[in-house]
Amino acid sequence: MIACVGPADLNYEESLSTLRYADHARKIKNKKYFNRDPTMVEVMALRAEIHQLLVAYSNESTSIAEV
């Protein structure tokens, strides 16, 4: 953030207010988080499990075919 202040005595109150606002804005910290539907979380977990099982099955079927 850029705060513009003037050196004139006439603008003292406005400059002080601007500096206070800039200081306050500088202290604001944002945290990000994901809004996830519990159903979608479960679906994603099940898809990952299916993928793991398919990989395990394909590895097992190739090892049986080699014997």
N, C-alpha and C. Protein backbone atom coordinates (compact mmCIF):
# COMPACT_ATOMS: atom_id res chain seq x y z
N MET A 1 0.85 -1.17 0.00
CA MET A 1 0.00 0.00 0.00
C MET A 1 0.89 1.23 0.00
N ILE A 2 0.51 2.22 -0.74
CA ILE A 2 1.23 3.49 -0.79
C ILE A 2 0.35 4.55 -0.14
N ALA A 3 0.90 5.26 0.83
CA ALA A 3 0.17 6.32 1.51
C ALA A 3 0.79 7.66 1.13
N CYS A 4 0.01 8.55 0.59
CA CYS A 4 0.49 9.87 0.19
C CYS A 4 0.10 10.90 1.26
N VAL A 5 1.09 11.60 1.78
CA VAL A 5 0.85 12.62 2.78
C VAL A 5 1.49 13.92 2.31
N GLY A 6 0.95 15.02 2.80
CA GLY A 6 1.48 16.33 2.43
C GLY A 6 2.20 16.99 3.61
N PRO A 7 3.21 17.80 3.33
CA PRO A 7 3.97 18.41 4.41
C PRO A 7 3.30 19.66 5.00
N ALA A 8 2.24 20.15 4.40
CA ALA A 8 1.62 21.40 4.85
C ALA A 8 0.88 21.20 6.17
N ASP A 9 0.91 22.22 7.01
CA ASP A 9 0.19 22.18 8.29
C ASP A 9 -1.31 22.06 8.08
N LEU A 10 -1.77 22.57 6.97
CA LEU A 10 -3.20 22.54 6.65
C LEU A 10 -3.71 21.11 6.51
N ASN A 11 -2.86 20.20 6.03
CA ASN A 11 -3.26 18.81 5.79
C ASN A 11 -2.82 17.86 6.91
N TYR A 12 -2.47 18.40 8.08
CA TYR A 12 -1.94 17.59 9.17
C TYR A 12 -2.90 16.47 9.58
N GLU A 13 -4.15 16.80 9.85
CA GLU A 13 -5.13 15.80 10.31
C GLU A 13 -5.37 14.73 9.25
N GLU A 14 -5.47 15.14 8.01
CA GLU A 14 -5.71 14.18 6.93
C GLU A 14 -4.49 13.27 6.75
N SER A 15 -3.28 13.83 6.83
CA SER A 15 -2.06 13.03 6.70
C SER A 15 -1.94 12.04 7.86
N LEU A 16 -2.26 12.48 9.07
CA LEU A 16 -2.21 11.60 10.23
C LEU A 16 -3.22 10.47 10.09
N SER A 17 -4.40 10.79 9.63
CA SER A 17 -5.42 9.77 9.41
C SER A 17 -4.98 8.77 8.35
N THR A 18 -4.36 9.26 7.29
CA THR A 18 -3.86 8.39 6.22
C THR A 18 -2.78 7.45 6.74
N LEU A 19 -1.87 7.97 7.55
CA LEU A 19 -0.81 7.14 8.11
C LEU A 19 -1.36 6.09 9.07
N ARG A 20 -2.35 6.45 9.85
CA ARG A 20 -2.98 5.48 10.76
C ARG A 20 -3.67 4.36 9.97
N TYR A 21 -4.37 4.75 8.92
CA TYR A 21 -5.05 3.75 8.09
C TYR A 21 -4.03 2.83 7.43
N ALA A 22 -2.95 3.39 6.89
CA ALA A 22 -1.92 2.58 6.24
C ALA A 22 -1.28 1.62 7.24
N ASP A 23 -1.04 2.07 8.45
CA ASP A 23 -0.46 1.21 9.47
C ASP A 23 -1.41 0.08 9.83
N HIS A 24 -2.68 0.42 9.96
CA HIS A 24 -3.69 -0.60 10.26
C HIS A 24 -3.79 -1.61 9.12
N ALA A 25 -3.80 -1.15 7.88
CA ALA A 25 -3.90 -2.04 6.73
C ALA A 25 -2.67 -2.95 6.62
N ARG A 26 -1.52 -2.44 7.01
CA ARG A 26 -0.28 -3.23 6.95
C ARG A 26 -0.32 -4.39 7.92
N LYS A 27 -1.03 -4.26 9.02
CA LYS A 27 -1.07 -5.29 10.05
C LYS A 27 -2.07 -6.40 9.76
N ILE A 28 -2.90 -6.23 8.76
CA ILE A 28 -3.91 -7.23 8.45
C ILE A 28 -3.24 -8.44 7.81
N LYS A 29 -3.52 -9.62 8.33
CA LYS A 29 -2.98 -10.87 7.81
C LYS A 29 -4.15 -11.73 7.34
N ASN A 30 -4.05 -12.25 6.13
CA ASN A 30 -5.09 -13.10 5.57
C ASN A 30 -4.67 -14.55 5.65
N LYS A 31 -5.62 -15.41 5.91
CA LYS A 31 -5.38 -16.84 5.92
C LYS A 31 -6.29 -17.48 4.88
N LYS A 32 -5.72 -18.37 4.10
CA LYS A 32 -6.54 -19.04 3.10
C LYS A 32 -6.98 -20.40 3.63
N TYR A 33 -8.15 -20.79 3.22
CA TYR A 33 -8.65 -22.11 3.54
C TYR A 33 -9.59 -22.53 2.43
N PHE A 34 -9.78 -23.83 2.30
CA PHE A 34 -10.60 -24.38 1.24
C PHE A 34 -11.97 -24.75 1.78
N ASN A 35 -12.98 -24.31 1.10
CA ASN A 35 -14.34 -24.74 1.40
C ASN A 35 -14.57 -26.05 0.66
N ARG A 36 -14.60 -27.12 1.39
CA ARG A 36 -14.79 -28.42 0.75
C ARG A 36 -16.03 -29.08 1.34
N ASP A 37 -16.82 -29.57 0.44
CA ASP A 37 -18.01 -30.31 0.82
C ASP A 37 -17.56 -31.68 1.35
N PRO A 38 -18.06 -32.13 2.50
CA PRO A 38 -17.65 -33.44 3.03
C PRO A 38 -17.90 -34.58 2.04
N THR A 39 -18.95 -34.46 1.26
CA THR A 39 -19.24 -35.49 0.27
C THR A 39 -18.15 -35.54 -0.80
N MET A 40 -17.69 -34.39 -1.24
CA MET A 40 -16.64 -34.34 -2.26
C MET A 40 -15.32 -34.88 -1.70
N VAL A 41 -15.06 -34.64 -0.42
CA VAL A 41 -13.84 -35.17 0.20
C VAL A 41 -13.90 -36.70 0.18
N GLU A 42 -15.05 -37.25 0.49
CA GLU A 42 -15.22 -38.71 0.48
C GLU A 42 -15.07 -39.26 -0.93
N VAL A 43 -15.64 -38.57 -1.92
CA VAL A 43 -15.53 -39.01 -3.31
C VAL A 43 -14.07 -39.00 -3.76
N MET A 44 -13.34 -37.95 -3.39
CA MET A 44 -11.92 -37.87 -3.76
C MET A 44 -11.12 -39.01 -3.12
N ALA A 45 -11.42 -39.33 -1.86
CA ALA A 45 -10.73 -40.42 -1.18
C ALA A 45 -11.04 -41.76 -1.84
N LEU A 46 -12.29 -41.96 -2.22
CA LEU A 46 -12.67 -43.22 -2.88
C LEU A 46 -12.02 -43.34 -4.26
N ARG A 47 -11.94 -42.25 -4.99
CA ARG A 47 -11.27 -42.28 -6.31
C ARG A 47 -9.79 -42.62 -6.15
N ALA A 48 -9.15 -42.08 -5.13
CA ALA A 48 -7.74 -42.39 -4.88
C ALA A 48 -7.57 -43.86 -4.53
N GLU A 49 -8.49 -44.40 -3.74
CA GLU A 49 -8.43 -45.81 -3.38
C GLU A 49 -8.63 -46.70 -4.60
N ILE A 50 -9.56 -46.33 -5.47
CA ILE A 50 -9.80 -47.08 -6.70
C ILE A 50 -8.54 -47.08 -7.56
N HIS A 51 -7.90 -45.93 -7.67
CA HIS A 51 -6.67 -45.84 -8.46
C HIS A 51 -5.59 -46.75 -7.88
N GLN A 52 -5.43 -46.75 -6.56
CA GLN A 52 -4.42 -47.62 -5.92
C GLN A 52 -4.74 -49.09 -6.17
N LEU A 53 -6.00 -49.46 -6.09
CA LEU A 53 -6.38 -50.85 -6.32
C LEU A 53 -6.15 -51.26 -7.76
N LEU A 54 -6.44 -50.36 -8.71
CA LEU A 54 -6.19 -50.67 -10.12
C LEU A 54 -4.70 -50.86 -10.39
N VAL A 55 -3.88 -50.03 -9.79
CA VAL A 55 -2.42 -50.17 -9.97
C VAL A 55 -1.96 -51.49 -9.36
N ALA A 56 -2.44 -51.81 -8.16
CA ALA A 56 -2.05 -53.06 -7.52
C ALA A 56 -2.53 -54.26 -8.34
N TYR A 57 -3.73 -54.19 -8.89
CA TYR A 57 -4.27 -55.28 -9.69
C TYR A 57 -3.46 -55.47 -10.97
N SER A 58 -3.11 -54.38 -11.64
CA SER A 58 -2.34 -54.49 -12.87
C SER A 58 -0.94 -55.04 -12.60
N ASN A 59 -0.33 -54.66 -11.48
CA ASN A 59 0.98 -55.21 -11.12
C ASN A 59 0.88 -56.70 -10.79
N GLU A 60 -0.19 -57.08 -10.13
CA GLU A 60 -0.39 -58.49 -9.76
C GLU A 60 -0.66 -59.33 -10.99
N SER A 61 -1.46 -58.85 -11.91
CA SER A 61 -1.80 -59.64 -13.10
C SER A 61 -0.59 -59.80 -14.01
N THR A 62 0.31 -58.84 -14.08
CA THR A 62 1.51 -58.98 -14.90
C THR A 62 2.46 -59.99 -14.25
N SER A 63 2.54 -60.00 -12.94
CA SER A 63 3.45 -60.95 -12.29
C SER A 63 2.92 -62.39 -12.43
N ILE A 64 1.61 -62.57 -12.47
CA ILE A 64 1.02 -63.90 -12.66
C ILE A 64 1.25 -64.36 -14.09
N ALA A 65 1.12 -63.47 -15.05
CA ALA A 65 1.30 -63.82 -16.47
C ALA A 65 2.75 -64.21 -16.76
N GLU A 66 3.70 -63.68 -16.04
CA GLU A 66 5.11 -63.99 -16.27
C GLU A 66 5.47 -65.38 -15.77
N VAL A 67 4.69 -65.92 -14.81
CA VAL A 67 4.99 -67.24 -14.24
C VAL A 67 4.55 -68.31 -15.12
